[in-house]
Amino acid sequence: MKDTDPIVNEVGAADSGSGAPSSSGATHEAPRRIPDLVAGCFVVGLFVLVGALLWRSAGVILYGFAGLLLATFLDACALQLARLPKISRRSALLLTLVALVALVAGLVMLLGPRVAAQAAELQEQLPQAYGRFEKRFLSLPGARSLLTSVGGFEALTPDTQTVLTGTVDTFGQAFGALGNVAMVVIIGLFVALNPGVYREGALSLLPESRQAIAAQILRESSSGLRRWLVGRLVAMLCVALLTGIGLAIIGLPLALTLALLVGLLSFIPFLGPALGVVMPLLIGLMQGPATAGWVLVIFAAVQFLEGNFITPLIERRALAIPPAVLIFSQVLMGTLAGIMGVLLASPILVVLRAVHRGFWPKDDAEAASSDA
């Protein structure tokens, strides 16, 4: 038998079972940190690259989103018509397109010549209105000293005239480029024709574990955008009608053109009405201070009705976002993407709200209380 020393055995066992790192373990752990560092740098670089690409292609992305918004509108109209007996969805979409083209053509034929004449007259009267405003302002006590302190009208004239005379041009340039409009229309038509193909294609890009959440986000985004679009269109129509009636009652020239412009600008919540009051107020100043005062009263009354009754009644379930957040998003999107960013800030918030609800869902009671 071999003699065994229990002390030696205990020491050997302690050495073999101890957690002291061996030289081979150290050599394996050091190289392991290098791939982690490389992977981290790769993720950061990829994030920066994607951010740069999104920044450079923000305009294209927004026009694509506008195409999806048009597809949502066409799909909502087609679904309503498809509820009628013996009308398929494709037939309902075709009827929707025919009805929209007929509506636009009818409006152009009925109102086009008159609006064109009034627009030309408006373009001629704006410089005169600005000149009269300058004279009236200089007649006020202390006005000349105030202008001297800021550098005179010469320092203010370029920016002011740009704002006053370029409102219509700036709004029209957003949709004036034929290529961008064609892209929006084509995307809208193809997506509305077969939305299921694009929905399934988008979901197939995600792992199966995330497809259920993504499908819920897409459904809620589509529903929210439908409600928001209907609300905006009804609000625009009400604002244009009320403004036109009010301006016609006080006898303001170019009432029809100004009402249409105000109705279009009301597509932009909060900021649109502030832009829409500029030109009617200038035309009112040409008629006299009393007419300008009535213009302000009409716009205040219309905005009170639209902000407290029309929009809350229609959109209360579509975009429950505080006004300060909405205005901040409009300013931010306008800084990043120009006029298209301002126009699409509200529907983008609708989608972001659906994304938030998809990843952080509320319970039924809390969701019902927040939507009420």
Protein backbone atom coordinates (compact mmCIF):
# COMPACT_ATOMS: atom_id res chain seq x y z
CA MET A 1 0.00 0.00 0.00
CA LYS A 2 1.11 3.52 -0.76
CA ASP A 3 1.47 5.89 2.06
CA THR A 4 -0.76 8.91 1.74
CA ASP A 5 -0.39 12.03 3.71
CA PRO A 6 -3.80 13.50 4.62
CA ILE A 7 -2.31 16.97 4.91
CA VAL A 8 -0.94 16.79 1.41
CA ASN A 9 -4.26 15.49 0.11
CA GLU A 10 -6.21 18.33 1.74
CA VAL A 11 -3.84 20.93 0.32
CA GLY A 12 -4.12 19.41 -3.15
CA ALA A 13 -7.88 19.32 -2.95
CA ALA A 14 -7.99 22.93 -1.79
CA ASP A 15 -5.73 23.97 -4.64
CA SER A 16 -7.80 22.13 -7.22
CA GLY A 17 -11.17 23.39 -5.90
CA SER A 18 -10.15 26.96 -5.20
CA GLY A 19 -11.56 29.77 -7.36
CA ALA A 20 -8.17 31.28 -8.10
CA PRO A 21 -7.93 32.01 -11.82
CA SER A 22 -5.50 29.87 -13.66
CA SER A 23 -3.18 31.14 -16.30
CA SER A 24 -5.20 29.46 -19.07
CA GLY A 25 -8.46 31.10 -17.80
CA ALA A 26 -6.81 34.52 -17.86
CA THR A 27 -5.63 34.02 -21.41
CA HIS A 28 -9.17 33.05 -22.50
CA GLU A 29 -10.89 36.00 -20.79
CA ALA A 30 -8.64 38.74 -22.13
CA PRO A 31 -9.31 38.06 -25.82
CA ARG A 32 -13.03 37.76 -25.05
CA ARG A 33 -13.21 41.48 -24.25
CA ILE A 34 -11.90 42.46 -27.70
CA PRO A 35 -14.89 41.08 -29.68
CA ASP A 36 -17.25 42.77 -27.21
CA LEU A 37 -15.52 46.10 -27.79
CA VAL A 38 -15.62 45.61 -31.56
CA ALA A 39 -19.33 44.70 -31.41
CA GLY A 40 -20.08 47.78 -29.32
CA CYS A 41 -18.25 50.05 -31.76
CA PHE A 42 -20.07 48.40 -34.65
CA VAL A 43 -23.49 49.01 -33.03
CA VAL A 44 -22.65 52.65 -32.31
CA GLY A 45 -21.37 53.16 -35.86
CA LEU A 46 -24.44 51.50 -37.33
CA PHE A 47 -26.69 53.71 -35.21
CA VAL A 48 -24.85 56.84 -36.38
CA LEU A 49 -25.04 55.68 -40.01
CA VAL A 50 -28.78 54.99 -39.80
CA GLY A 51 -29.32 58.37 -38.13
CA ALA A 52 -27.34 60.14 -40.87
CA LEU A 53 -29.31 58.33 -43.59
CA LEU A 54 -32.60 59.24 -41.95
CA TRP A 55 -31.48 62.86 -41.62
CA ARG A 56 -30.47 63.05 -45.30
CA SER A 57 -33.62 61.30 -46.52
CA ALA A 58 -36.12 62.96 -44.16
CA GLY A 59 -37.98 64.61 -47.04
CA VAL A 60 -38.39 61.36 -48.95
CA ILE A 61 -39.56 59.56 -45.81
CA LEU A 62 -42.13 62.26 -45.11
CA TYR A 63 -43.49 62.10 -48.64
CA GLY A 64 -43.73 58.33 -48.27
CA PHE A 65 -45.63 58.84 -45.02
CA ALA A 66 -47.93 61.27 -46.84
CA GLY A 67 -48.59 58.50 -49.37
CA LEU A 68 -49.53 56.14 -46.54
CA LEU A 69 -51.82 58.84 -45.15
CA LEU A 70 -53.53 59.11 -48.54
CA ALA A 71 -53.85 55.33 -48.65
CA THR A 72 -55.49 55.40 -45.21
CA PHE A 73 -58.01 57.98 -46.41
CA LEU A 74 -58.84 56.03 -49.57
CA ASP A 75 -59.11 52.80 -47.61
CA ALA A 76 -61.48 54.41 -45.09
CA CYS A 77 -63.76 55.68 -47.88
CA ALA A 78 -63.66 52.31 -49.67
CA LEU A 79 -64.55 50.42 -46.49
CA GLN A 80 -67.61 52.59 -46.00
CA LEU A 81 -68.79 52.00 -49.57
CA ALA A 82 -68.03 48.27 -49.34
CA ARG A 83 -70.69 47.95 -46.65
CA LEU A 84 -73.32 48.44 -49.34
CA PRO A 85 -74.69 45.24 -50.88
CA LYS A 86 -73.04 43.79 -53.99
CA ILE A 87 -70.04 46.15 -53.86
CA SER A 88 -66.59 44.62 -53.48
CA ARG A 89 -63.68 46.44 -51.94
CA ARG A 90 -61.95 47.03 -55.29
CA SER A 91 -65.16 48.40 -56.77
CA ALA A 92 -65.59 50.63 -53.72
CA LEU A 93 -62.04 51.94 -54.14
CA LEU A 94 -62.69 52.66 -57.82
CA LEU A 95 -65.92 54.49 -56.94
CA THR A 96 -64.02 56.51 -54.33
CA LEU A 97 -61.40 57.59 -56.87
CA VAL A 98 -64.06 58.51 -59.45
CA ALA A 99 -66.00 60.49 -56.84
CA LEU A 100 -62.89 62.38 -55.71
CA VAL A 101 -61.86 63.23 -59.28
CA ALA A 102 -65.42 64.39 -60.08
CA LEU A 103 -65.53 66.49 -56.90
CA VAL A 104 -62.22 68.19 -57.63
CA ALA A 105 -63.14 68.78 -61.28
CA GLY A 106 -66.52 70.22 -60.28
CA LEU A 107 -64.96 72.58 -57.75
CA VAL A 108 -62.38 73.73 -60.28
CA MET A 109 -65.06 74.39 -62.91
CA LEU A 110 -67.40 76.19 -60.52
CA LEU A 111 -64.95 78.10 -58.35
CA GLY A 112 -61.75 78.07 -60.38
CA PRO A 113 -62.24 81.23 -62.49
CA ARG A 114 -63.55 83.25 -59.56
CA VAL A 115 -60.80 82.08 -57.20
CA ALA A 116 -58.13 82.77 -59.83
CA ALA A 117 -59.43 86.30 -60.37
CA GLN A 118 -59.59 86.96 -56.65
CA ALA A 119 -56.10 85.53 -56.15
CA ALA A 120 -54.70 87.89 -58.82
CA GLU A 121 -56.51 90.80 -57.17
CA LEU A 122 -55.19 89.70 -53.79
CA GLN A 123 -51.63 89.67 -55.12
CA GLU A 124 -52.07 93.26 -56.32
CA GLN A 125 -53.66 94.49 -53.10
CA LEU A 126 -51.14 93.03 -50.65
CA PRO A 127 -48.41 95.64 -51.34
CA GLN A 128 -51.01 98.42 -51.04
CA ALA A 129 -52.25 96.94 -47.77
CA TYR A 130 -48.72 96.81 -46.45
CA GLY A 131 -48.13 100.46 -47.45
CA ARG A 132 -51.29 101.59 -45.67
CA PHE A 133 -50.33 99.59 -42.60
CA GLU A 134 -46.96 101.36 -42.58
CA LYS A 135 -48.60 104.79 -42.79
CA ARG A 136 -51.09 103.99 -40.03
CA PHE A 137 -48.34 102.63 -37.83
CA LEU A 138 -46.17 105.72 -38.29
CA SER A 139 -49.10 107.92 -37.31
CA LEU A 140 -49.15 106.36 -33.85
CA PRO A 141 -47.36 108.27 -31.06
CA GLY A 142 -43.89 106.94 -30.37
CA ALA A 143 -43.87 104.75 -33.49
CA ARG A 144 -41.01 106.61 -35.21
CA SER A 145 -38.73 106.41 -32.16
CA LEU A 146 -39.49 102.70 -31.85
CA LEU A 147 -38.62 102.13 -35.50
CA THR A 148 -35.42 104.12 -35.12
CA SER A 149 -34.34 101.91 -32.22
CA VAL A 150 -34.78 98.74 -34.30
CA GLY A 151 -33.27 100.14 -37.49
CA GLY A 152 -36.36 101.45 -39.27
CA PHE A 153 -38.77 99.77 -41.65
CA GLU A 154 -35.86 98.89 -43.91
CA ALA A 155 -34.66 96.36 -41.33
CA LEU A 156 -38.13 94.85 -40.98
CA THR A 157 -39.44 95.08 -44.53
CA PRO A 158 -37.78 92.01 -46.11
CA ASP A 159 -38.89 89.49 -43.49
CA THR A 160 -42.31 91.06 -43.06
CA GLN A 161 -43.06 91.14 -46.77
CA THR A 162 -41.87 87.56 -47.07
CA VAL A 163 -44.36 86.50 -44.40
CA LEU A 164 -47.23 88.58 -45.76
CA THR A 165 -46.88 87.93 -49.48
CA GLY A 166 -45.41 84.43 -49.33
CA THR A 167 -47.97 82.61 -47.21
CA VAL A 168 -49.92 81.25 -50.17
CA ASP A 169 -46.75 80.51 -52.14
CA THR A 170 -45.11 78.74 -49.22
CA PHE A 171 -48.18 76.58 -48.62
CA GLY A 172 -48.50 75.80 -52.31
CA GLN A 173 -44.83 74.89 -52.75
CA ALA A 174 -45.26 71.95 -50.38
CA PHE A 175 -47.50 70.31 -52.99
CA GLY A 176 -46.28 72.20 -56.04
CA ALA A 177 -43.46 69.86 -57.08
CA LEU A 178 -45.08 67.43 -59.51
CA GLY A 179 -42.61 64.66 -58.79
CA ASN A 180 -43.33 64.65 -55.07
CA VAL A 181 -47.07 64.81 -55.63
CA ALA A 182 -46.84 61.94 -58.11
CA MET A 183 -44.90 59.87 -55.58
CA VAL A 184 -47.50 60.52 -52.89
CA VAL A 185 -50.38 59.61 -55.21
CA ILE A 186 -48.70 56.46 -56.53
CA ILE A 187 -47.83 55.21 -53.04
CA GLY A 188 -51.33 55.98 -51.83
CA LEU A 189 -53.02 54.20 -54.72
CA PHE A 190 -50.91 51.05 -54.61
CA VAL A 191 -51.12 50.69 -50.83
CA ALA A 192 -54.88 51.33 -50.82
CA LEU A 193 -55.35 48.80 -53.63
CA ASN A 194 -53.91 45.92 -51.61
CA PRO A 195 -52.94 46.97 -48.08
CA GLY A 196 -52.67 43.40 -46.80
CA VAL A 197 -49.63 42.67 -48.97
CA TYR A 198 -47.67 45.60 -47.53
CA ARG A 199 -48.83 44.85 -44.00
CA GLU A 200 -47.74 41.22 -44.19
CA GLY A 201 -44.48 42.24 -45.85
CA ALA A 202 -43.68 44.67 -43.04
CA LEU A 203 -44.51 42.06 -40.39
CA SER A 204 -42.37 39.40 -42.09
CA LEU A 205 -39.29 41.58 -41.53
CA LEU A 206 -39.67 41.15 -37.77
CA PRO A 207 -39.08 38.08 -35.58
CA GLU A 208 -42.17 36.01 -34.86
CA SER A 209 -42.05 36.98 -31.19
CA ARG A 210 -42.58 40.66 -32.16
CA GLN A 211 -45.10 40.25 -34.95
CA ALA A 212 -48.14 40.25 -32.67
CA ILE A 213 -47.15 43.58 -31.08
CA ALA A 214 -46.32 45.06 -34.50
CA ALA A 215 -49.67 43.94 -35.91
CA GLN A 216 -51.46 45.59 -32.99
CA ILE A 217 -49.48 48.81 -33.56
CA LEU A 218 -50.39 48.80 -37.26
CA ARG A 219 -54.09 48.26 -36.50
CA GLU A 220 -54.20 51.03 -33.92
CA SER A 221 -52.21 53.39 -36.14
CA SER A 222 -54.57 52.81 -39.05
CA SER A 223 -57.64 53.33 -36.87
CA GLY A 224 -56.21 56.47 -35.26
CA LEU A 225 -55.19 57.96 -38.61
CA ARG A 226 -58.67 57.33 -40.04
CA ARG A 227 -60.32 59.14 -37.15
CA TRP A 228 -57.79 61.96 -37.28
CA LEU A 229 -58.23 62.44 -41.04
CA VAL A 230 -62.01 62.54 -40.81
CA GLY A 231 -61.77 65.01 -37.95
CA ARG A 232 -59.35 67.29 -39.80
CA LEU A 233 -61.38 67.29 -43.01
CA VAL A 234 -64.63 68.07 -41.21
CA ALA A 235 -62.91 70.78 -39.15
CA MET A 236 -61.38 72.32 -42.30
CA LEU A 237 -64.78 72.37 -44.01
CA CYS A 238 -66.46 73.96 -40.98
CA VAL A 239 -63.72 76.60 -40.61
CA ALA A 240 -63.88 77.51 -44.32
CA LEU A 241 -67.70 77.78 -44.28
CA LEU A 242 -67.89 79.81 -41.07
CA THR A 243 -65.05 82.10 -42.12
CA GLY A 244 -66.55 82.65 -45.58
CA ILE A 245 -69.97 83.46 -44.14
CA GLY A 246 -68.47 85.88 -41.62
CA LEU A 247 -66.26 87.68 -44.14
CA ALA A 248 -69.15 87.93 -46.60
CA ILE A 249 -71.41 89.45 -43.92
CA ILE A 250 -68.95 92.27 -43.17
CA GLY A 251 -68.42 92.81 -46.90
CA LEU A 252 -64.71 91.99 -47.02
CA PRO A 253 -63.39 91.67 -50.59
CA LEU A 254 -62.04 88.33 -51.78
CA ALA A 255 -64.06 86.49 -49.12
CA LEU A 256 -64.23 83.22 -51.05
CA THR A 257 -60.49 82.98 -51.71
CA LEU A 258 -59.60 83.98 -48.16
CA ALA A 259 -62.05 81.45 -46.71
CA LEU A 260 -60.58 78.64 -48.84
CA LEU A 261 -57.06 79.62 -47.78
CA VAL A 262 -58.04 79.70 -44.10
CA GLY A 263 -59.73 76.31 -44.43
CA LEU A 264 -56.61 74.77 -46.00
CA LEU A 265 -54.32 76.27 -43.38
CA SER A 266 -56.53 74.90 -40.60
CA PHE A 267 -55.16 71.45 -41.54
CA ILE A 268 -52.27 72.49 -39.28
CA PRO A 269 -53.65 72.64 -35.72
CA PHE A 270 -52.88 75.80 -33.70
CA LEU A 271 -50.28 77.24 -36.12
CA GLY A 272 -52.53 77.19 -39.19
CA PRO A 273 -55.14 79.67 -37.86
CA ALA A 274 -52.38 82.09 -36.85
CA LEU A 275 -51.12 82.09 -40.45
CA GLY A 276 -54.62 82.26 -41.89
CA VAL A 277 -55.57 85.51 -40.16
CA VAL A 278 -52.70 87.53 -41.68
CA MET A 279 -54.05 88.26 -45.15
CA PRO A 280 -57.72 88.85 -44.17
CA LEU A 281 -56.48 91.26 -41.53
CA LEU A 282 -54.41 93.18 -44.08
CA ILE A 283 -57.36 93.40 -46.46
CA GLY A 284 -59.48 94.58 -43.53
CA LEU A 285 -56.93 97.30 -42.71
CA MET A 286 -57.31 98.59 -46.27
CA GLN A 287 -61.03 99.03 -45.61
CA GLY A 288 -60.47 100.70 -42.26
CA PRO A 289 -59.78 99.93 -38.58
CA ALA A 290 -63.41 98.95 -37.95
CA THR A 291 -63.32 96.29 -40.69
CA ALA A 292 -60.02 94.96 -39.36
CA GLY A 293 -61.57 94.74 -35.91
CA TRP A 294 -64.51 92.76 -37.28
CA VAL A 295 -62.07 90.41 -39.03
CA LEU A 296 -60.38 89.71 -35.70
CA VAL A 297 -63.77 89.14 -34.04
CA ILE A 298 -64.79 86.67 -36.78
CA PHE A 299 -61.55 84.72 -36.51
CA ALA A 300 -61.72 84.64 -32.73
CA ALA A 301 -65.31 83.34 -32.86
CA VAL A 302 -64.50 80.72 -35.51
CA GLN A 303 -61.44 79.49 -33.62
CA PHE A 304 -63.44 79.37 -30.38
CA LEU A 305 -66.09 77.19 -32.02
CA GLU A 306 -63.51 75.02 -33.78
CA GLY A 307 -61.26 74.58 -30.75
CA ASN A 308 -63.96 74.02 -28.12
CA PHE A 309 -66.73 72.23 -29.97
CA ILE A 310 -65.88 70.98 -33.48
CA THR A 311 -62.41 69.50 -33.02
CA PRO A 312 -62.90 68.02 -29.50
CA LEU A 313 -66.15 66.39 -30.59
CA ILE A 314 -64.57 64.79 -33.66
CA GLU A 315 -60.98 64.11 -32.62
CA ARG A 316 -61.22 63.37 -28.92
CA ARG A 317 -60.44 59.67 -29.49
CA ALA A 318 -57.91 60.18 -32.27
CA LEU A 319 -55.22 62.39 -30.74
CA ALA A 320 -55.42 62.86 -26.98
CA ILE A 321 -52.19 64.86 -26.75
CA PRO A 322 -51.77 68.16 -24.84
CA PRO A 323 -51.62 71.28 -27.05
CA ALA A 324 -48.14 72.24 -25.81
CA VAL A 325 -46.75 68.88 -26.95
CA LEU A 326 -48.48 69.25 -30.32
CA ILE A 327 -47.12 72.77 -30.87
CA PHE A 328 -43.62 71.69 -29.85
CA SER A 329 -43.75 68.77 -32.28
CA GLN A 330 -44.87 71.09 -35.09
CA VAL A 331 -42.01 73.51 -34.43
CA LEU A 332 -39.51 70.65 -34.16
CA MET A 333 -40.70 68.94 -37.35
CA GLY A 334 -40.77 72.28 -39.15
CA THR A 335 -37.15 72.91 -38.14
CA LEU A 336 -36.07 69.44 -39.28
CA ALA A 337 -38.14 69.01 -42.45
CA GLY A 338 -39.73 72.33 -43.38
CA ILE A 339 -43.38 72.76 -44.28
CA MET A 340 -43.94 69.03 -44.81
CA GLY A 341 -42.78 68.41 -41.25
CA VAL A 342 -45.31 70.92 -39.92
CA LEU A 343 -48.11 69.41 -42.01
CA LEU A 344 -47.41 65.84 -40.91
CA ALA A 345 -46.50 66.47 -37.26
CA SER A 346 -49.97 65.59 -35.97
CA PRO A 347 -50.42 62.27 -37.84
CA ILE A 348 -46.89 61.28 -36.86
CA LEU A 349 -47.90 61.82 -33.23
CA VAL A 350 -50.91 59.55 -33.84
CA VAL A 351 -48.55 56.79 -34.97
CA LEU A 352 -46.13 57.39 -32.07
CA ARG A 353 -49.06 57.17 -29.67
CA ALA A 354 -49.99 53.78 -31.15
CA VAL A 355 -46.37 52.61 -30.83
CA HIS A 356 -46.31 53.69 -27.19
CA ARG A 357 -49.53 51.81 -26.48
CA GLY A 358 -48.19 48.74 -28.24
CA PHE A 359 -45.03 48.49 -26.15
CA TRP A 360 -46.49 49.83 -22.89
CA PRO A 361 -50.15 48.72 -22.92
CA LYS A 362 -52.58 49.95 -20.29
CA ASP A 363 -55.18 47.87 -18.59
CA ASP A 364 -58.74 48.09 -19.89
CA ALA A 365 -60.04 50.42 -17.20
CA GLU A 366 -57.17 52.88 -17.54
CA ALA A 367 -57.35 52.83 -21.35
CA ALA A 368 -61.09 53.43 -21.26
CA SER A 369 -60.70 56.36 -18.84
CA SER A 370 -57.97 57.95 -20.97
CA ASP A 371 -60.01 57.64 -24.18
CA ALA A 372 -63.20 58.97 -22.62
